[in-house]
Amino acid sequence: MFWTFVATVFAGLGAAGIALGIRAITAKKAPKGIIPAFAGAGMLAFLIYGDYTWYDLKRSQLPPEAVIVDTESEGQMLRPWTYIAPYVTAFSIVDSESLARDTDNPDIVRFTLYRFHQGYTDSVAHRVHLLNCKSGELVPLASDGRPSVDNMRRLDQEDRLFNTVCN
């Protein structure tokens, strides 16, 4: 977050420098107000660019065995342009090499689901899950290793998470 702030300030300074250049070229006939207007527009443009390129940057940093199974896009009130062109604010991945089938019941697969979220600071959360490939029941495991049956949900056969884990 600190480096984003620094980069935003420098983007504003650079855009203000362009406005100063415009004033110099026009022999100061351009209004003085274009300097803060350019600075603000430069900072806003940098932040919007960062929002829309975050997903591609994070995706390029993933190892080859990471399979993206879900993406989330939502409009945000303080970013009204997201209602017109939403961008990916979170995504979930499965490490395809960490899939472990139960020896007693091969239809049960244990895996770790990672969720990346873009906010004021980027965050990564992970949780171990069990998936029954026969019934499509997905159950997260609590920190002590016991299934959290209260949080169970069913996945469709067409779900990307189901296809990644069970196939």
Foldseek 3Di string as FASTA:
>chain_A
DVVLVVVLQVQLVVQLVVVVVVCVVVVNPPDPVVNNVSSVVSSVVSVVVCQQCVVVVVVVVDDPQKDWQDWDWDDDPVPNCCVVPTHTFKTKIWRLVAWDADPVHRQKIKTKIWMWGDDPHIDIDIWIWIARLVFQKIWTADPVRHTPVVPIDGDDCPRSVSVSRRD
